[in-house]
Amino acid sequence: MNLKQYLLNRQDKKRIRKLEAQLQHCGQEIAWVDSKHTHLFGDTISIGNKVHVFAEPDRHTRLTVYKDQKHQGSINISDYTLISPGVRIESALKVNIHKAAMIANHVYITDCDWHDIYDRSYASIGTPKPVIIEENAWIGYGTIILKGSFIGKNSIVGAGSVVTGRIPDNVIVAGNPARL
């Protein structure tokens, strides 16, 4: 290893320690790939064991929780989950991603509208509803998962889908809205 590689490796380890210090719970053997393009906002983010979090210079990965007087968001990512580059997860209540889920590039997951129907100011974020992604679910490229969505065990959501409700276990869905 030459000096440049040594210094880059050392910088990356510092960035990883900083990311892991931000987590409410930090599992063992998390793989942070291109960590300088991963951004964590908030202090109620938990990541389990052997999770892989990927980011790239043109596809930053962002995990964001919102907190105010009425809301406290949380993001919980369980063991063996894959988070691909460009994923954005935003929470004002609760986003739970269970064991061994795979989240493809450019997926957006949110548990809130981030505005009310009538009051569209930042002061009103609407009514959040939890998002649950069960174990071994596979979420395809560019999917949007909206508040109140539930994706069952072993289910696959096709690329570019919009999930707005309940997806049962062991099915393949696609479309806008996502359907069997």
C-alpha atoms as a PDB file:
ATOM      1  CA  MET A   1       0.000   0.000   0.000  1.00  0.00           C
ATOM      2  CA  ASN A   2       1.421   3.362  -0.997  1.00  0.00           C
ATOM      3  CA  LEU A   3       1.121   6.562   1.051  1.00  0.00           C
ATOM      4  CA  LYS A   4      -1.875   7.894  -0.923  1.00  0.00           C
ATOM      5  CA  GLN A   5      -3.845   4.670  -0.389  1.00  0.00           C
ATOM      6  CA  TYR A   6      -2.910   4.673   3.305  1.00  0.00           C
ATOM      7  CA  LEU A   7      -4.141   8.273   3.772  1.00  0.00           C
ATOM      8  CA  LEU A   8      -7.393   7.629   1.866  1.00  0.00           C
ATOM      9  CA  ASN A   9      -8.028   4.492   3.926  1.00  0.00           C
ATOM     10  CA  ARG A  10      -7.364   6.430   7.130  1.00  0.00           C
ATOM     11  CA  GLN A  11      -9.770   9.234   6.072  1.00  0.00           C
ATOM     12  CA  ASP A  12     -12.456   6.675   5.229  1.00  0.00           C
ATOM     13  CA  LYS A  13     -12.111   5.016   8.643  1.00  0.00           C
ATOM     14  CA  LYS A  14     -12.553   8.422  10.311  1.00  0.00           C
ATOM     15  CA  ARG A  15     -15.693   9.094   8.243  1.00  0.00           C
ATOM     16  CA  ILE A  16     -17.081   5.659   9.119  1.00  0.00           C
ATOM     17  CA  ARG A  17     -16.457   6.207  12.846  1.00  0.00           C
ATOM     18  CA  LYS A  18     -18.253   9.552  12.565  1.00  0.00           C
ATOM     19  CA  LEU A  19     -21.250   7.966  10.783  1.00  0.00           C
ATOM     20  CA  GLU A  20     -21.470   5.141  13.306  1.00  0.00           C
ATOM     21  CA  ALA A  21     -21.276   7.600  16.223  1.00  0.00           C
ATOM     22  CA  GLN A  22     -24.416   9.302  14.851  1.00  0.00           C
ATOM     23  CA  LEU A  23     -26.467   6.093  15.057  1.00  0.00           C
ATOM     24  CA  GLN A  24     -28.798   5.329  17.943  1.00  0.00           C
ATOM     25  CA  HIS A  25     -27.841   1.659  17.489  1.00  0.00           C
ATOM     26  CA  CYS A  26     -24.891   0.494  15.423  1.00  0.00           C
ATOM     27  CA  GLY A  27     -24.606  -3.198  14.556  1.00  0.00           C
ATOM     28  CA  GLN A  28     -21.444  -5.155  13.883  1.00  0.00           C
ATOM     29  CA  GLU A  29     -19.686  -5.400  10.505  1.00  0.00           C
ATOM     30  CA  ILE A  30     -21.606  -2.665   8.689  1.00  0.00           C
ATOM     31  CA  ALA A  31     -20.127  -2.186   5.215  1.00  0.00           C
ATOM     32  CA  TRP A  32     -20.056   1.519   4.335  1.00  0.00           C
ATOM     33  CA  VAL A  33     -19.104   1.727   0.654  1.00  0.00           C
ATOM     34  CA  ASP A  34     -18.001   5.228  -0.385  1.00  0.00           C
ATOM     35  CA  SER A  35     -18.939   6.601   3.021  1.00  0.00           C
ATOM     36  CA  LYS A  36     -18.211  10.228   2.170  1.00  0.00           C
ATOM     37  CA  HIS A  37     -21.392  10.228   0.065  1.00  0.00           C
ATOM     38  CA  THR A  38     -23.617   8.831   2.834  1.00  0.00           C
ATOM     39  CA  HIS A  39     -25.469  11.387   4.949  1.00  0.00           C
ATOM     40  CA  LEU A  40     -27.284  10.782   8.238  1.00  0.00           C
ATOM     41  CA  PHE A  41     -29.560  13.475   9.688  1.00  0.00           C
ATOM     42  CA  GLY A  42     -31.062  12.941  13.134  1.00  0.00           C
ATOM     43  CA  ASP A  43     -30.273  10.814  16.152  1.00  0.00           C
ATOM     44  CA  THR A  44     -32.935   8.067  15.949  1.00  0.00           C
ATOM     45  CA  ILE A  45     -31.433   5.958  13.178  1.00  0.00           C
ATOM     46  CA  SER A  46     -30.550   2.329  13.947  1.00  0.00           C
ATOM     47  CA  ILE A  47     -28.672  -0.083  11.703  1.00  0.00           C
ATOM     48  CA  GLY A  48     -28.293  -3.797  12.451  1.00  0.00           C
ATOM     49  CA  ASN A  49     -25.513  -6.306  11.830  1.00  0.00           C
ATOM     50  CA  LYS A  50     -23.855  -6.899   8.452  1.00  0.00           C
ATOM     51  CA  VAL A  51     -25.828  -4.208   6.640  1.00  0.00           C
ATOM     52  CA  HIS A  52     -24.338  -2.898   3.379  1.00  0.00           C
ATOM     53  CA  VAL A  53     -24.808   0.828   2.710  1.00  0.00           C
ATOM     54  CA  PHE A  54     -23.616   1.954  -0.720  1.00  0.00           C
ATOM     55  CA  ALA A  55     -23.225   5.493  -2.064  1.00  0.00           C
ATOM     56  CA  GLU A  56     -21.478   7.035  -5.054  1.00  0.00           C
ATOM     57  CA  PRO A  57     -20.356  10.561  -5.959  1.00  0.00           C
ATOM     58  CA  ASP A  58     -23.400  11.103  -8.177  1.00  0.00           C
ATOM     59  CA  ARG A  59     -25.804   9.024  -6.054  1.00  0.00           C
ATOM     60  CA  HIS A  60     -25.663  10.085  -2.411  1.00  0.00           C
ATOM     61  CA  THR A  61     -27.472   7.956   0.166  1.00  0.00           C
ATOM     62  CA  ARG A  62     -29.487   9.950   2.746  1.00  0.00           C
ATOM     63  CA  LEU A  63     -31.210   8.784   5.919  1.00  0.00           C
ATOM     64  CA  THR A  64     -33.166  11.622   7.545  1.00  0.00           C
ATOM     65  CA  VAL A  65     -35.380  11.749  10.638  1.00  0.00           C
ATOM     66  CA  TYR A  66     -37.559  14.728  11.489  1.00  0.00           C
ATOM     67  CA  LYS A  67     -38.182  15.983  15.001  1.00  0.00           C
ATOM     68  CA  ASP A  68     -40.412  18.725  16.351  1.00  0.00           C
ATOM     69  CA  GLN A  69     -42.810  19.180  19.278  1.00  0.00           C
ATOM     70  CA  LYS A  70     -45.372  16.710  17.874  1.00  0.00           C
ATOM     71  CA  HIS A  71     -43.251  14.287  15.852  1.00  0.00           C
ATOM     72  CA  GLN A  72     -40.175  12.125  16.325  1.00  0.00           C
ATOM     73  CA  GLY A  73     -39.137  10.122  13.314  1.00  0.00           C
ATOM     74  CA  SER A  74     -37.125   6.907  13.448  1.00  0.00           C
ATOM     75  CA  ILE A  75     -35.428   4.691  10.898  1.00  0.00           C
ATOM     76  CA  ASN A  76     -34.648   1.068  11.808  1.00  0.00           C
ATOM     77  CA  ILE A  77     -32.701  -1.066   9.354  1.00  0.00           C
ATOM     78  CA  SER A  78     -32.353  -4.709  10.409  1.00  0.00           C
ATOM     79  CA  ASP A  79     -29.550  -7.231   9.877  1.00  0.00           C
ATOM     80  CA  TYR A  80     -28.235  -8.239   6.416  1.00  0.00           C
ATOM     81  CA  THR A  81     -30.073  -5.454   4.578  1.00  0.00           C
ATOM     82  CA  LEU A  82     -28.719  -3.890   1.384  1.00  0.00           C
ATOM     83  CA  ILE A  83     -29.079  -0.137   0.827  1.00  0.00           C
ATOM     84  CA  SER A  84     -27.965   0.818  -2.708  1.00  0.00           C
ATOM     85  CA  PRO A  85     -26.629   4.158  -3.980  1.00  0.00           C
ATOM     86  CA  GLY A  86     -29.046   7.053  -4.223  1.00  0.00           C
ATOM     87  CA  VAL A  87     -31.529   5.729  -1.654  1.00  0.00           C
ATOM     88  CA  ARG A  88     -33.384   8.395   0.352  1.00  0.00           C
ATOM     89  CA  ILE A  89     -35.290   7.490   3.488  1.00  0.00           C
ATOM     90  CA  GLU A  90     -37.148  10.251   5.349  1.00  0.00           C
ATOM     91  CA  SER A  91     -39.121   9.733   8.558  1.00  0.00           C
ATOM     92  CA  ALA A  92     -41.389  11.827  10.767  1.00  0.00           C
ATOM     93  CA  LEU A  93     -42.800   8.748  12.551  1.00  0.00           C
ATOM     94  CA  LYS A  94     -41.347   5.310  11.764  1.00  0.00           C
ATOM     95  CA  VAL A  95     -39.689   3.486   8.874  1.00  0.00           C
ATOM     96  CA  ASN A  96     -38.798  -0.144   9.655  1.00  0.00           C
ATOM     97  CA  ILE A  97     -36.847  -2.248   7.174  1.00  0.00           C
ATOM     98  CA  HIS A  98     -36.636  -5.838   8.341  1.00  0.00           C
ATOM     99  CA  LYS A  99     -33.951  -8.485   7.955  1.00  0.00           C
ATOM    100  CA  ALA A 100     -32.333  -9.205   4.575  1.00  0.00           C
ATOM    101  CA  ALA A 101     -34.327  -6.644   2.576  1.00  0.00           C
ATOM    102  CA  MET A 102     -32.765  -5.340  -0.642  1.00  0.00           C
ATOM    103  CA  ILE A 103     -33.322  -1.707  -1.579  1.00  0.00           C
ATOM    104  CA  ALA A 104     -32.168  -0.876  -5.142  1.00  0.00           C
ATOM    105  CA  ASN A 105     -30.738   2.397  -6.480  1.00  0.00           C
ATOM    106  CA  HIS A 106     -32.729   5.638  -6.291  1.00  0.00           C
ATOM    107  CA  VAL A 107     -35.514   4.299  -4.066  1.00  0.00           C
ATOM    108  CA  TYR A 108     -37.379   6.940  -2.039  1.00  0.00           C
ATOM    109  CA  ILE A 109     -39.116   5.893   1.194  1.00  0.00           C
ATOM    110  CA  THR A 110     -41.148   8.334   3.287  1.00  0.00           C
ATOM    111  CA  ASP A 111     -43.702   8.041   6.079  1.00  0.00           C
ATOM    112  CA  CYS A 112     -45.053  11.571   5.640  1.00  0.00           C
ATOM    113  CA  ASP A 113     -46.367  13.990   2.981  1.00  0.00           C
ATOM    114  CA  TRP A 114     -44.162  16.814   4.327  1.00  0.00           C
ATOM    115  CA  HIS A 115     -47.048  19.274   3.941  1.00  0.00           C
ATOM    116  CA  ASP A 116     -50.714  19.481   4.846  1.00  0.00           C
ATOM    117  CA  ILE A 117     -53.445  19.675   2.210  1.00  0.00           C
ATOM    118  CA  TYR A 118     -54.372  23.243   3.107  1.00  0.00           C
ATOM    119  CA  ASP A 119     -51.368  24.515   5.056  1.00  0.00           C
ATOM    120  CA  ARG A 120     -48.408  23.902   2.774  1.00  0.00           C
ATOM    121  CA  SER A 121     -45.941  25.744   4.933  1.00  0.00           C
ATOM    122  CA  TYR A 122     -43.013  23.941   6.509  1.00  0.00           C
ATOM    123  CA  ALA A 123     -44.757  24.309   9.878  1.00  0.00           C
ATOM    124  CA  SER A 124     -47.272  21.601   8.943  1.00  0.00           C
ATOM    125  CA  ILE A 125     -45.897  18.264   7.747  1.00  0.00           C
ATOM    126  CA  GLY A 126     -49.255  16.497   7.497  1.00  0.00           C
ATOM    127  CA  THR A 127     -50.120  13.231   9.233  1.00  0.00           C
ATOM    128  CA  PRO A 128     -47.312  10.650   9.174  1.00  0.00           C
ATOM    129  CA  LYS A 129     -48.075   6.917   9.001  1.00  0.00           C
ATOM    130  CA  PRO A 130     -45.473   4.157   9.514  1.00  0.00           C
ATOM    131  CA  VAL A 131     -43.774   2.346   6.644  1.00  0.00           C
ATOM    132  CA  ILE A 132     -42.924  -1.324   7.182  1.00  0.00           C
ATOM    133  CA  ILE A 133     -40.819  -3.408   4.797  1.00  0.00           C
ATOM    134  CA  GLU A 134     -40.798  -7.029   5.936  1.00  0.00           C
ATOM    135  CA  GLU A 135     -37.866  -9.417   5.743  1.00  0.00           C
ATOM    136  CA  ASN A 136     -36.397 -10.537   2.441  1.00  0.00           C
ATOM    137  CA  ALA A 137     -38.400  -7.964   0.450  1.00  0.00           C
ATOM    138  CA  TRP A 138     -36.786  -6.678  -2.733  1.00  0.00           C
ATOM    139  CA  ILE A 139     -37.507  -3.089  -3.766  1.00  0.00           C
ATOM    140  CA  GLY A 140     -36.684  -2.331  -7.421  1.00  0.00           C
ATOM    141  CA  TYR A 141     -34.865   0.641  -8.932  1.00  0.00           C
ATOM    142  CA  GLY A 142     -36.518   4.041  -8.571  1.00  0.00           C
ATOM    143  CA  THR A 143     -39.477   2.831  -6.506  1.00  0.00           C
ATOM    144  CA  ILE A 144     -41.339   5.353  -4.357  1.00  0.00           C
ATOM    145  CA  ILE A 145     -42.797   4.038  -1.091  1.00  0.00           C
ATOM    146  CA  LEU A 146     -45.289   6.412   0.505  1.00  0.00           C
ATOM    147  CA  LYS A 147     -46.652   6.801   4.038  1.00  0.00           C
ATOM    148  CA  GLY A 148     -48.683   3.951   5.491  1.00  0.00           C
ATOM    149  CA  SER A 149     -47.192   1.355   3.136  1.00  0.00           C
ATOM    150  CA  PHE A 150     -46.560  -2.245   4.186  1.00  0.00           C
ATOM    151  CA  ILE A 151     -44.527  -4.627   2.032  1.00  0.00           C
ATOM    152  CA  GLY A 152     -44.809  -8.289   3.017  1.00  0.00           C
ATOM    153  CA  LYS A 153     -42.142 -10.943   3.454  1.00  0.00           C
ATOM    154  CA  ASN A 154     -40.386 -12.199   0.317  1.00  0.00           C
ATOM    155  CA  SER A 155     -42.285  -9.748  -1.906  1.00  0.00           C
ATOM    156  CA  ILE A 156     -40.770  -7.995  -4.912  1.00  0.00           C
ATOM    157  CA  VAL A 157     -41.658  -4.465  -5.991  1.00  0.00           C
ATOM    158  CA  GLY A 158     -40.849  -3.810  -9.668  1.00  0.00           C
ATOM    159  CA  ALA A 159     -38.662  -0.930 -10.791  1.00  0.00           C
ATOM    160  CA  GLY A 160     -40.309   2.484 -10.925  1.00  0.00           C
ATOM    161  CA  SER A 161     -43.347   1.448  -8.903  1.00  0.00           C
ATOM    162  CA  VAL A 162     -45.259   3.650  -6.473  1.00  0.00           C
ATOM    163  CA  VAL A 163     -46.357   1.839  -3.316  1.00  0.00           C
ATOM    164  CA  THR A 164     -49.281   3.434  -1.483  1.00  0.00           C
ATOM    165  CA  GLY A 165     -50.746   0.637   0.645  1.00  0.00           C
ATOM    166  CA  ARG A 166     -50.463  -2.966   1.716  1.00  0.00           C
ATOM    167  CA  ILE A 167     -48.482  -5.519  -0.338  1.00  0.00           C
ATOM    168  CA  PRO A 168     -49.021  -9.106   0.918  1.00  0.00           C
ATOM    169  CA  ASP A 169     -46.296 -11.706   1.529  1.00  0.00           C
ATOM    170  CA  ASN A 170     -44.737 -13.655  -1.372  1.00  0.00           C
ATOM    171  CA  VAL A 171     -46.004 -11.589  -4.308  1.00  0.00           C
ATOM    172  CA  ILE A 172     -44.573  -9.547  -7.185  1.00  0.00           C
ATOM    173  CA  VAL A 173     -46.090  -6.112  -7.758  1.00  0.00           C
ATOM    174  CA  ALA A 174     -45.366  -3.290 -10.192  1.00  0.00           C
ATOM    175  CA  GLY A 175     -46.862  -0.099 -11.518  1.00  0.00           C
ATOM    176  CA  ASN A 176     -48.322   3.197 -10.354  1.00  0.00           C
ATOM    177  CA  PRO A 177     -49.935   2.339  -8.033  1.00  0.00           C
ATOM    178  CA  ALA A 178     -48.160  -0.967  -7.455  1.00  0.00           C
ATOM    179  CA  ARG A 179     -50.484  -3.936  -8.146  1.00  0.00           C
ATOM    180  CA  LEU A 180     -50.278  -7.718  -8.465  1.00  0.00           C
END
